[in-house]
Structure formats: structure tokens, C-alpha cells
Amino acid sequence: MKIMEPAELCDIMDFWIAAPWPLTEDETQQRAVERFGWTIEVDGGTPYLMDTVSNFTIPDVMTVPYKDRMMELSLQASDTTREITSPLTELLGDAFTLMVREGEGRWGKPTLLDSKSGPTARWNVDGGARVSFIFLSRGLLAMFETPQGAEVERKLGDR
């Protein structure tokens, strides 16, 4: 199972933290292509951002815009598996711990949540944005909420 290095994942999040928000989905995708070498694949006229560099089983980078403003990006921080085993869960747990430790060194102590997706470490970072690392039983996920997206979630009560 491939797992992203904690420093690499946090570098990606730092890039998005430093971006000049608000950005459109197109601007966000272009920045990802230029900075990380990711690709844009078009399906049915809709462009989708793909992390083809990491070679994970699921390369999709989910981008969530609202009214032409980027709200959120989610990306895999590991391969995704169908078969859940104790050794795999232990490996993912150790990797999650290291990612949280790296994030804590950069952004301070996270808020730890037990969300319906799985254990989550969340940071409120500079500029009003948020970073979350999520431990799923099948893999690890990272989420960046733009300042605009995080503000909406705060107003909705951080569902």
C-alpha cells in the first residue's frame, strides 16, 4: 500500500493555505497542474482534477465549487483498499499519527473529531481556511477548506 509522506502532504496543504483565495475551480485546477504536475481529465465536458503523480488507486482530487468560487479540495493520502485487515489498519493508523504529528508541528494542536467518516484531525489555519486529515478504514484522506468554504461550514455549525 502506497502512503504519502507526511511532509509532502503538509507541503501540499501549505501551498493551498498560501493561495490567494478566492479562486475559481478552473484557477485552482490550473495551479495544481502547474505546481504538482497533476492533470485535468475531461468527462462529458466537465474537467476533473487528478493526482496522477502519486499513483494511488484513486487519483481523483475532489473539487467543490459554489457560485464559481472554490470551497473545498479533497485528495487521497494513500491507496484505497477493499480488503480491511488488522495489519493494514495498523499501518494506516501509524501513518495517520505521523501525518497529524507533522501537521501539529506546522499548524499547532489540531481539534480531534470522531466524525461519521472516521477519526479526523482538523486545524484552523491562516486566513480562515481549514485542513483536515481523515482516517478511513480503507485509506487516508486529506481535505482543504478554502476560507470561503470554512466560513460556510462554521455558519452551518460544522456539521
Protein backbone atom coordinates (compact mmCIF):
# COMPACT_ATOMS: atom_id res chain seq x y z
CA MET A 1 0.00 0.00 0.00
CA LYS A 2 1.34 3.40 -1.01
CA ILE A 3 1.07 6.20 1.54
CA MET A 4 2.07 9.83 1.04
CA GLU A 5 4.93 11.10 3.18
CA PRO A 6 3.64 13.39 5.98
CA ALA A 7 5.92 16.28 4.91
CA GLU A 8 4.73 16.02 1.30
CA LEU A 9 1.07 16.06 2.35
CA CYS A 10 1.62 19.06 4.62
CA ASP A 11 3.56 20.85 1.85
CA ILE A 12 0.52 20.40 -0.42
CA MET A 13 -1.74 21.82 2.29
CA ASP A 14 0.68 24.73 2.89
CA PHE A 15 0.53 25.52 -0.83
CA TRP A 16 -3.26 25.80 -0.66
CA ILE A 17 -3.14 27.78 2.60
CA ALA A 18 -0.89 30.35 0.89
CA ALA A 19 -3.04 30.60 -2.27
CA PRO A 20 -4.74 33.95 -2.97
CA TRP A 21 -8.32 32.95 -2.16
CA PRO A 22 -10.97 33.27 -3.51
CA LEU A 23 -10.17 31.32 -6.69
CA THR A 24 -12.42 29.72 -9.26
CA GLU A 25 -12.39 25.97 -9.81
CA ASP A 26 -10.55 26.49 -13.10
CA GLU A 27 -7.88 28.67 -11.44
CA THR A 28 -7.49 26.10 -8.67
CA GLN A 29 -7.09 23.24 -11.14
CA GLN A 30 -4.54 25.19 -13.20
CA ARG A 31 -2.48 25.96 -10.07
CA ALA A 32 -2.48 22.26 -9.15
CA VAL A 33 -1.31 21.30 -12.64
CA GLU A 34 1.48 23.91 -12.59
CA ARG A 35 2.66 23.25 -9.02
CA PHE A 36 2.20 19.49 -8.56
CA GLY A 37 2.10 18.12 -12.11
CA TRP A 38 -1.44 16.83 -11.59
CA THR A 39 -3.66 16.51 -14.64
CA ILE A 40 -7.11 17.58 -15.70
CA GLU A 41 -9.30 14.97 -17.36
CA VAL A 42 -12.50 16.00 -19.11
CA ASP A 43 -15.51 13.71 -18.97
CA GLY A 44 -18.79 14.79 -20.53
CA GLY A 45 -17.50 18.34 -20.83
CA THR A 46 -16.64 18.55 -17.10
CA PRO A 47 -12.98 18.93 -16.07
CA TYR A 48 -11.82 16.73 -13.18
CA LEU A 49 -8.54 17.21 -11.30
CA MET A 50 -6.44 14.06 -10.95
CA ASP A 51 -3.36 13.41 -8.79
CA THR A 52 -1.65 11.16 -11.32
CA VAL A 53 1.75 11.82 -9.71
CA SER A 54 1.17 9.79 -6.52
CA ASN A 55 -0.07 6.72 -8.42
CA PHE A 56 -2.72 5.96 -5.81
CA THR A 57 -5.55 3.54 -6.59
CA ILE A 58 -7.95 6.52 -6.66
CA PRO A 59 -6.29 9.55 -8.29
CA ASP A 60 -9.33 11.85 -8.18
CA VAL A 61 -8.99 15.17 -6.38
CA MET A 62 -12.48 16.25 -5.46
CA THR A 63 -13.05 19.95 -6.00
CA VAL A 64 -16.18 21.57 -4.63
CA PRO A 65 -17.07 24.99 -6.05
CA TYR A 66 -20.08 27.13 -5.25
CA LYS A 67 -21.10 30.10 -7.39
CA ASP A 68 -17.75 29.92 -9.23
CA ARG A 69 -15.73 30.05 -6.01
CA MET A 70 -13.68 27.14 -4.77
CA MET A 71 -14.91 25.85 -1.40
CA GLU A 72 -13.04 22.59 -0.81
CA LEU A 73 -10.46 20.14 -2.18
CA SER A 74 -10.16 16.53 -1.02
CA LEU A 75 -7.39 14.18 -2.03
CA GLN A 76 -6.21 10.70 -1.21
CA ALA A 77 -3.19 10.49 1.08
CA SER A 78 -2.86 6.73 0.50
CA ASP A 79 -4.04 3.93 -1.70
CA THR A 80 -7.60 2.81 -1.09
CA THR A 81 -8.27 -0.86 -0.43
CA ARG A 82 -11.33 -3.07 -0.47
CA GLU A 83 -9.89 -5.60 1.96
CA ILE A 84 -9.68 -4.38 5.55
CA THR A 85 -7.20 -6.34 7.67
CA SER A 86 -5.67 -5.76 11.10
CA PRO A 87 -2.13 -5.23 9.71
CA LEU A 88 -3.48 -2.74 7.16
CA THR A 89 -5.50 -0.87 9.79
CA GLU A 90 -2.38 -0.70 11.97
CA LEU A 91 -0.28 0.60 9.04
CA LEU A 92 -2.87 3.28 8.23
CA GLY A 93 -3.16 4.21 11.91
CA ASP A 94 0.60 4.67 12.20
CA ALA A 95 0.70 6.76 9.00
CA PHE A 96 -2.24 8.88 10.23
CA THR A 97 -0.42 9.51 13.52
CA LEU A 98 2.71 10.66 11.67
CA MET A 99 0.66 12.95 9.40
CA VAL A 100 -1.07 14.52 12.41
CA ARG A 101 2.29 14.95 14.15
CA GLU A 102 3.71 16.73 11.07
CA GLY A 103 0.61 18.94 10.86
CA GLU A 104 0.87 19.77 14.56
CA GLY A 105 4.46 20.91 14.02
CA ARG A 106 3.30 23.29 11.30
CA TRP A 107 -0.15 24.48 12.40
CA GLY A 108 -0.35 23.76 16.12
CA LYS A 109 -2.56 21.39 18.05
CA PRO A 110 -5.49 20.06 15.99
CA THR A 111 -9.04 19.54 17.05
CA LEU A 112 -9.61 15.78 17.14
CA LEU A 113 -13.05 14.68 15.98
CA ASP A 114 -14.81 11.36 15.70
CA SER A 115 -16.74 12.09 12.52
CA LYS A 116 -19.01 9.62 10.75
CA SER A 117 -16.23 9.14 8.16
CA GLY A 118 -13.63 8.26 10.77
CA PRO A 119 -11.18 9.85 13.21
CA THR A 120 -10.33 13.34 11.99
CA ALA A 121 -7.64 15.88 12.90
CA ARG A 122 -8.67 19.42 11.95
CA TRP A 123 -6.74 22.66 12.00
CA ASN A 124 -7.99 26.22 11.59
CA VAL A 125 -5.11 27.78 9.68
CA ASP A 126 -4.01 31.22 8.49
CA GLY A 127 -6.51 33.24 6.51
CA GLY A 128 -9.57 31.38 7.84
CA ALA A 129 -9.00 28.14 5.91
CA ARG A 130 -9.11 24.65 7.42
CA VAL A 131 -7.10 21.48 6.92
CA SER A 132 -8.38 18.03 7.91
CA PHE A 133 -6.74 14.61 7.83
CA ILE A 134 -9.24 11.76 7.96
CA PHE A 135 -8.56 8.13 8.89
CA LEU A 136 -10.88 5.94 6.85
CA SER A 137 -10.94 2.17 7.27
CA ARG A 138 -9.95 1.84 3.59
CA GLY A 139 -7.33 4.62 3.34
CA LEU A 140 -6.32 8.14 4.34
CA LEU A 141 -7.90 11.34 3.07
CA ALA A 142 -6.84 14.99 3.29
CA MET A 143 -9.23 17.91 2.93
CA PHE A 144 -8.56 21.61 2.45
CA GLU A 145 -11.44 24.02 3.00
CA THR A 146 -10.86 27.45 1.49
CA PRO A 147 -11.56 30.43 3.76
CA GLN A 148 -14.91 30.78 1.96
CA GLY A 149 -15.77 27.09 2.38
CA ALA A 150 -14.71 27.00 6.03
CA GLU A 151 -16.83 30.10 6.76
CA VAL A 152 -19.91 28.42 5.30
CA GLU A 153 -19.31 25.31 7.41
CA ARG A 154 -18.81 27.41 10.56
CA LYS A 155 -22.11 29.23 9.91
CA LEU A 156 -23.85 25.87 9.41
CA GLY A 157 -22.50 24.65 12.72
CA ASP A 158 -19.65 22.42 11.45
CA ARG A 159 -21.86 19.51 10.59
